[in-house]
Amino acid sequence: MKVDRRVAKSQEAIKKALIELMTEKSFDTITIQDISDRANVNRGTVYLHYLDKFDLLDKIMEEHIYNMSNFCESAAEMNFLESTVHCMEYFESNYLFFSTMLASEGAPYFRNRFLQFNIEEFRKDVDITQGKNAGQSEDVVVEFVANAYVGVVEWWLKNGMPYPPRAIAEKVGELLDRIV
């Protein structure tokens, strides 16, 4: 079903307004009026699309998790380096969102959701039957790798992406090669 361009434009403005506001103040202090003022829409328009600010934040987070899931599926045919570059480019192109959600601890729930997403993805790649991880607990290896990956992404964003996506992907790849 095709969404009217005006509706899509309003929803994007509302989502962007919330993320921008979260860089300036605590989520708890943000009101629907703040969001509507920043998005340049009426409060009623916000309520037309979202139940409240929690629903709005949840929809934004789920949209990015969904996009990353699709991203991983499309990257499945790539080698590890290229798929990691692909992911880092996604983080870079959505810097405001990820830096707010991860680096500034804007939404601890998102960090946990992002971590769980990465645990599921790394679980597909970890082999405990042979090699470096032979005999290890799959859960321990997957938790370790996913937490390390999320930590590096947080560091990268918090520090203003000091390396381009390809460079950070190469560094992450070298480190993961030592573990996985």
C-alpha atoms as a PDB file:
ATOM      1  CA  MET A   1       0.000   0.000   0.000  1.00  0.00           C
ATOM      2  CA  LYS A   2       1.444   3.318  -1.088  1.00  0.00           C
ATOM      3  CA  VAL A   3       1.704   6.032   1.558  1.00  0.00           C
ATOM      4  CA  ASP A   4       0.680   9.565   0.597  1.00  0.00           C
ATOM      5  CA  ARG A   5       3.800  11.738   0.218  1.00  0.00           C
ATOM      6  CA  ARG A   6       2.389  14.344   2.621  1.00  0.00           C
ATOM      7  CA  VAL A   7       1.847  11.672   5.274  1.00  0.00           C
ATOM      8  CA  ALA A   8       5.360  10.293   4.763  1.00  0.00           C
ATOM      9  CA  LYS A   9       6.817  13.810   4.935  1.00  0.00           C
ATOM     10  CA  SER A  10       4.960  14.545   8.197  1.00  0.00           C
ATOM     11  CA  GLN A  11       6.043  11.232   9.748  1.00  0.00           C
ATOM     12  CA  GLU A  12       9.685  11.831   8.800  1.00  0.00           C
ATOM     13  CA  ALA A  13       9.566  15.348  10.252  1.00  0.00           C
ATOM     14  CA  ILE A  14       8.048  14.002  13.489  1.00  0.00           C
ATOM     15  CA  LYS A  15      10.664  11.224  13.786  1.00  0.00           C
ATOM     16  CA  LYS A  16      13.523  13.612  13.065  1.00  0.00           C
ATOM     17  CA  ALA A  17      12.140  16.106  15.592  1.00  0.00           C
ATOM     18  CA  LEU A  18      12.118  13.518  18.378  1.00  0.00           C
ATOM     19  CA  ILE A  19      15.686  12.391  17.676  1.00  0.00           C
ATOM     20  CA  GLU A  20      16.926  15.982  17.510  1.00  0.00           C
ATOM     21  CA  LEU A  21      15.180  16.800  20.794  1.00  0.00           C
ATOM     22  CA  MET A  22      16.749  13.734  22.409  1.00  0.00           C
ATOM     23  CA  THR A  23      20.183  15.172  21.631  1.00  0.00           C
ATOM     24  CA  GLU A  24      19.217  18.300  23.582  1.00  0.00           C
ATOM     25  CA  LYS A  25      17.321  16.961  26.577  1.00  0.00           C
ATOM     26  CA  SER A  26      16.139  13.864  28.354  1.00  0.00           C
ATOM     27  CA  PHE A  27      13.416  11.796  26.702  1.00  0.00           C
ATOM     28  CA  ASP A  28      11.367  12.058  29.898  1.00  0.00           C
ATOM     29  CA  THR A  29      11.175  15.852  29.601  1.00  0.00           C
ATOM     30  CA  ILE A  30      10.183  15.905  25.916  1.00  0.00           C
ATOM     31  CA  THR A  31       6.507  16.623  25.298  1.00  0.00           C
ATOM     32  CA  ILE A  32       4.305  16.048  22.277  1.00  0.00           C
ATOM     33  CA  GLN A  33       4.117  19.836  22.007  1.00  0.00           C
ATOM     34  CA  ASP A  34       7.935  19.978  21.783  1.00  0.00           C
ATOM     35  CA  ILE A  35       7.867  17.364  19.045  1.00  0.00           C
ATOM     36  CA  SER A  36       5.092  19.042  17.068  1.00  0.00           C
ATOM     37  CA  ASP A  37       6.751  22.461  17.363  1.00  0.00           C
ATOM     38  CA  ARG A  38      10.088  21.090  16.131  1.00  0.00           C
ATOM     39  CA  ALA A  39       8.429  19.136  13.300  1.00  0.00           C
ATOM     40  CA  ASN A  40       6.293  22.137  12.381  1.00  0.00           C
ATOM     41  CA  VAL A  41       3.068  20.120  12.566  1.00  0.00           C
ATOM     42  CA  ASN A  42       0.023  20.287  14.818  1.00  0.00           C
ATOM     43  CA  ARG A  43      -0.125  18.134  17.948  1.00  0.00           C
ATOM     44  CA  GLY A  44      -3.095  16.373  16.359  1.00  0.00           C
ATOM     45  CA  THR A  45      -0.886  15.287  13.463  1.00  0.00           C
ATOM     46  CA  VAL A  46       1.494  13.592  15.885  1.00  0.00           C
ATOM     47  CA  TYR A  47      -1.430  11.809  17.562  1.00  0.00           C
ATOM     48  CA  LEU A  48      -2.844  10.857  14.173  1.00  0.00           C
ATOM     49  CA  HIS A  49       0.242   8.701  13.551  1.00  0.00           C
ATOM     50  CA  TYR A  50       1.436   7.760  17.058  1.00  0.00           C
ATOM     51  CA  LEU A  51      -0.243   6.971  20.375  1.00  0.00           C
ATOM     52  CA  ASP A  52       2.324   8.941  22.381  1.00  0.00           C
ATOM     53  CA  LYS A  53       6.048   9.709  22.446  1.00  0.00           C
ATOM     54  CA  PHE A  54       6.807   6.152  23.597  1.00  0.00           C
ATOM     55  CA  ASP A  55       4.999   4.708  20.581  1.00  0.00           C
ATOM     56  CA  LEU A  56       6.870   7.148  18.333  1.00  0.00           C
ATOM     57  CA  LEU A  57      10.247   6.153  19.784  1.00  0.00           C
ATOM     58  CA  ASP A  58       9.360   2.468  19.559  1.00  0.00           C
ATOM     59  CA  LYS A  59       8.339   2.833  15.899  1.00  0.00           C
ATOM     60  CA  ILE A  60      11.611   4.636  15.087  1.00  0.00           C
ATOM     61  CA  MET A  61      13.670   1.929  16.803  1.00  0.00           C
ATOM     62  CA  GLU A  62      11.770  -0.915  15.161  1.00  0.00           C
ATOM     63  CA  GLU A  63      12.139   0.738  11.768  1.00  0.00           C
ATOM     64  CA  HIS A  64      15.929   0.763  12.148  1.00  0.00           C
ATOM     65  CA  ILE A  65      16.037  -2.817  13.456  1.00  0.00           C
ATOM     66  CA  TYR A  66      13.884  -3.881  10.495  1.00  0.00           C
ATOM     67  CA  ASN A  67      16.150  -1.985   8.078  1.00  0.00           C
ATOM     68  CA  MET A  68      19.233  -3.595   9.615  1.00  0.00           C
ATOM     69  CA  SER A  69      17.615  -7.021   9.322  1.00  0.00           C
ATOM     70  CA  ASN A  70      16.952  -6.432   5.620  1.00  0.00           C
ATOM     71  CA  PHE A  71      20.438  -5.047   5.350  1.00  0.00           C
ATOM     72  CA  CYS A  72      21.932  -8.228   6.804  1.00  0.00           C
ATOM     73  CA  GLU A  73      19.918 -10.376   4.426  1.00  0.00           C
ATOM     74  CA  SER A  74      21.171  -8.385   1.437  1.00  0.00           C
ATOM     75  CA  ALA A  75      24.729  -8.523   2.828  1.00  0.00           C
ATOM     76  CA  ALA A  76      24.611 -12.313   3.262  1.00  0.00           C
ATOM     77  CA  GLU A  77      26.066 -12.771  -0.221  1.00  0.00           C
ATOM     78  CA  MET A  78      29.004 -10.456   0.561  1.00  0.00           C
ATOM     79  CA  ASN A  79      32.231 -11.377   2.311  1.00  0.00           C
ATOM     80  CA  PHE A  80      32.611 -10.308   5.933  1.00  0.00           C
ATOM     81  CA  LEU A  81      34.544  -7.117   5.172  1.00  0.00           C
ATOM     82  CA  GLU A  82      32.101  -5.882   2.545  1.00  0.00           C
ATOM     83  CA  SER A  83      29.083  -6.669   4.710  1.00  0.00           C
ATOM     84  CA  THR A  84      30.683  -4.845   7.663  1.00  0.00           C
ATOM     85  CA  VAL A  85      31.474  -1.838   5.450  1.00  0.00           C
ATOM     86  CA  HIS A  86      27.842  -1.956   4.334  1.00  0.00           C
ATOM     87  CA  CYS A  87      26.710  -1.863   7.993  1.00  0.00           C
ATOM     88  CA  MET A  88      29.097   0.938   8.941  1.00  0.00           C
ATOM     89  CA  GLU A  89      27.844   2.983   5.992  1.00  0.00           C
ATOM     90  CA  TYR A  90      24.293   2.457   7.261  1.00  0.00           C
ATOM     91  CA  PHE A  91      25.337   3.712  10.713  1.00  0.00           C
ATOM     92  CA  GLU A  92      27.074   6.673   9.079  1.00  0.00           C
ATOM     93  CA  SER A  93      24.051   7.596   6.959  1.00  0.00           C
ATOM     94  CA  ASN A  94      21.847   7.382  10.065  1.00  0.00           C
ATOM     95  CA  TYR A  95      24.379   9.007  12.386  1.00  0.00           C
ATOM     96  CA  LEU A  96      21.916  11.243  14.235  1.00  0.00           C
ATOM     97  CA  PHE A  97      19.734   8.290  15.182  1.00  0.00           C
ATOM     98  CA  PHE A  98      22.498   5.867  16.170  1.00  0.00           C
ATOM     99  CA  SER A  99      24.629   8.421  17.966  1.00  0.00           C
ATOM    100  CA  THR A 100      21.592   9.483  19.984  1.00  0.00           C
ATOM    101  CA  MET A 101      20.438   5.951  20.713  1.00  0.00           C
ATOM    102  CA  LEU A 102      23.846   4.430  21.430  1.00  0.00           C
ATOM    103  CA  ALA A 103      26.553   6.967  22.075  1.00  0.00           C
ATOM    104  CA  SER A 104      24.606   9.435  24.185  1.00  0.00           C
ATOM    105  CA  GLU A 105      22.635   6.659  25.886  1.00  0.00           C
ATOM    106  CA  GLY A 106      19.443   8.253  24.639  1.00  0.00           C
ATOM    107  CA  ALA A 107      17.473   5.059  24.884  1.00  0.00           C
ATOM    108  CA  PRO A 108      18.927   2.121  26.854  1.00  0.00           C
ATOM    109  CA  TYR A 109      16.135  -0.063  25.478  1.00  0.00           C
ATOM    110  CA  PHE A 110      17.471   0.473  21.961  1.00  0.00           C
ATOM    111  CA  ARG A 111      20.995  -0.527  22.965  1.00  0.00           C
ATOM    112  CA  ASN A 112      19.614  -3.767  24.377  1.00  0.00           C
ATOM    113  CA  ARG A 113      17.500  -4.348  21.268  1.00  0.00           C
ATOM    114  CA  PHE A 114      20.518  -3.599  19.038  1.00  0.00           C
ATOM    115  CA  LEU A 115      22.626  -5.990  21.101  1.00  0.00           C
ATOM    116  CA  GLN A 116      20.005  -8.753  20.824  1.00  0.00           C
ATOM    117  CA  PHE A 117      19.830  -8.206  17.075  1.00  0.00           C
ATOM    118  CA  ASN A 118      23.627  -8.617  16.840  1.00  0.00           C
ATOM    119  CA  ILE A 119      23.573 -11.702  19.065  1.00  0.00           C
ATOM    120  CA  GLU A 120      21.114 -13.321  16.653  1.00  0.00           C
ATOM    121  CA  GLU A 121      23.244 -12.339  13.653  1.00  0.00           C
ATOM    122  CA  PHE A 122      26.565 -13.504  15.160  1.00  0.00           C
ATOM    123  CA  ARG A 123      24.986 -16.771  16.308  1.00  0.00           C
ATOM    124  CA  LYS A 124      24.696 -17.673  12.606  1.00  0.00           C
ATOM    125  CA  ASP A 125      28.475 -17.288  12.165  1.00  0.00           C
ATOM    126  CA  VAL A 126      29.974 -18.770  15.326  1.00  0.00           C
ATOM    127  CA  ASP A 127      31.314 -22.305  15.009  1.00  0.00           C
ATOM    128  CA  ILE A 128      32.197 -24.068  18.273  1.00  0.00           C
ATOM    129  CA  THR A 129      32.838 -27.433  16.660  1.00  0.00           C
ATOM    130  CA  GLN A 130      36.286 -26.581  15.305  1.00  0.00           C
ATOM    131  CA  GLY A 131      38.989 -23.936  15.182  1.00  0.00           C
ATOM    132  CA  LYS A 132      39.588 -21.246  17.787  1.00  0.00           C
ATOM    133  CA  ASN A 133      36.271 -21.769  19.536  1.00  0.00           C
ATOM    134  CA  ALA A 134      36.210 -25.562  19.623  1.00  0.00           C
ATOM    135  CA  GLY A 135      34.696 -26.726  22.891  1.00  0.00           C
ATOM    136  CA  GLN A 136      33.623 -23.220  23.966  1.00  0.00           C
ATOM    137  CA  SER A 137      30.092 -22.353  25.007  1.00  0.00           C
ATOM    138  CA  GLU A 138      28.285 -20.930  21.985  1.00  0.00           C
ATOM    139  CA  ASP A 139      26.338 -18.541  24.231  1.00  0.00           C
ATOM    140  CA  VAL A 140      29.530 -17.148  25.793  1.00  0.00           C
ATOM    141  CA  VAL A 141      31.277 -16.671  22.429  1.00  0.00           C
ATOM    142  CA  VAL A 142      28.230 -15.035  20.837  1.00  0.00           C
ATOM    143  CA  GLU A 143      27.660 -12.716  23.828  1.00  0.00           C
ATOM    144  CA  PHE A 144      31.332 -11.737  23.815  1.00  0.00           C
ATOM    145  CA  VAL A 145      31.480 -11.015  20.086  1.00  0.00           C
ATOM    146  CA  ALA A 146      28.151  -9.146  19.953  1.00  0.00           C
ATOM    147  CA  ASN A 147      29.015  -7.002  22.988  1.00  0.00           C
ATOM    148  CA  ALA A 148      32.444  -6.206  21.515  1.00  0.00           C
ATOM    149  CA  TYR A 149      30.862  -5.222  18.188  1.00  0.00           C
ATOM    150  CA  VAL A 150      28.220  -3.006  19.797  1.00  0.00           C
ATOM    151  CA  GLY A 151      30.892  -1.451  22.004  1.00  0.00           C
ATOM    152  CA  VAL A 152      33.051  -0.563  19.002  1.00  0.00           C
ATOM    153  CA  VAL A 153      30.066   0.911  17.156  1.00  0.00           C
ATOM    154  CA  GLU A 154      29.235   2.994  20.257  1.00  0.00           C
ATOM    155  CA  TRP A 155      32.841   4.168  20.544  1.00  0.00           C
ATOM    156  CA  TRP A 156      32.985   5.021  16.833  1.00  0.00           C
ATOM    157  CA  LEU A 157      29.798   7.092  16.990  1.00  0.00           C
ATOM    158  CA  LYS A 158      30.607   8.741  20.314  1.00  0.00           C
ATOM    159  CA  ASN A 159      33.939   9.907  18.907  1.00  0.00           C
ATOM    160  CA  GLY A 160      32.418  11.386  15.764  1.00  0.00           C
ATOM    161  CA  MET A 161      33.344   8.489  13.456  1.00  0.00           C
ATOM    162  CA  PRO A 162      37.131   9.109  13.499  1.00  0.00           C
ATOM    163  CA  TYR A 163      37.642   6.442  10.825  1.00  0.00           C
ATOM    164  CA  PRO A 164      35.731   6.116   7.550  1.00  0.00           C
ATOM    165  CA  PRO A 165      33.338   3.137   7.335  1.00  0.00           C
ATOM    166  CA  ARG A 166      35.791   0.950   5.380  1.00  0.00           C
ATOM    167  CA  ALA A 167      38.640   1.596   7.829  1.00  0.00           C
ATOM    168  CA  ILE A 168      36.565   0.820  10.934  1.00  0.00           C
ATOM    169  CA  ALA A 169      35.126  -2.249   9.182  1.00  0.00           C
ATOM    170  CA  GLU A 170      38.663  -3.498   8.489  1.00  0.00           C
ATOM    171  CA  LYS A 171      39.684  -2.931  12.119  1.00  0.00           C
ATOM    172  CA  VAL A 172      36.570  -4.732  13.400  1.00  0.00           C
ATOM    173  CA  GLY A 173      37.159  -7.547  10.913  1.00  0.00           C
ATOM    174  CA  GLU A 174      40.751  -8.041  12.061  1.00  0.00           C
ATOM    175  CA  LEU A 175      39.654  -8.192  15.675  1.00  0.00           C
ATOM    176  CA  LEU A 176      36.784 -10.577  14.975  1.00  0.00           C
ATOM    177  CA  ASP A 177      39.103 -12.844  13.000  1.00  0.00           C
ATOM    178  CA  ARG A 178      41.043 -13.356  16.234  1.00  0.00           C
ATOM    179  CA  ILE A 179      37.892 -14.441  18.035  1.00  0.00           C
ATOM    180  CA  VAL A 180      35.488 -16.091  15.625  1.00  0.00           C
END
